[in-house]
Amino acid sequence: MNVLDAVVRTLTAYIVGAVCAALLLANIAVPEEGAVGLAGVLAIVFANAYYLLVTFLAKLWPPIGYLLVIPTEPTYGAGADLLWAFLRTLIPSIVGYLLSLIPTSIIVIDPALQTTLVLGIIGSTQSAYYAVLKWAETRWPWLSILLGGRPSAQPRYVPRHRAT
């Protein structure tokens, strides 16, 4: 699996997390002052829960891996694959959330629009952060640390099944 495949799998989880957070927030009453923070937290929780759930279920039934668009899954060598996969998804989520706080603390706009802005910024910054570091770690393995892993924890993707 190449860098693009890894980015697509992770980006899929981020998109699902943002959509789930937006749908939930659209259907529950949340005070305006708490909506922005809740949107960010929910996007992170849903994205990482989705990634972990699909990755775990794909071990039991490989075709479920298609819920991350590309069904191959990472192998990190001996040890806790799910832990490393979780960390490599969670760290960019947190970075995206923290970066989303910068413009929302500077720009004063309608709270509903601000919540949408936060979800958009989280999605785009975490995706960019992950994609750039994923590419960079192929040249400089020590950058794996910025994705929550040790340099030797770079995943390798091995296809387990083929589409028919």
Foldseek 3Di string as FASTA:
>chain_A
DDLVLVLLLLLLLLVQQLVVLVVVPVPDDDPLVCLQVSSLVSSLVSSLVVSLVLVVVCVVPQVSLCSSVDRWDWDQPDDDRSVLVSLLNNLLSVVQQVVLVVVLVVDDDDSVVSNVSSSVSSSVRSSVVSSVLSVVCVVVLCSVVSSVDGSSRDIDTDDPDDDD
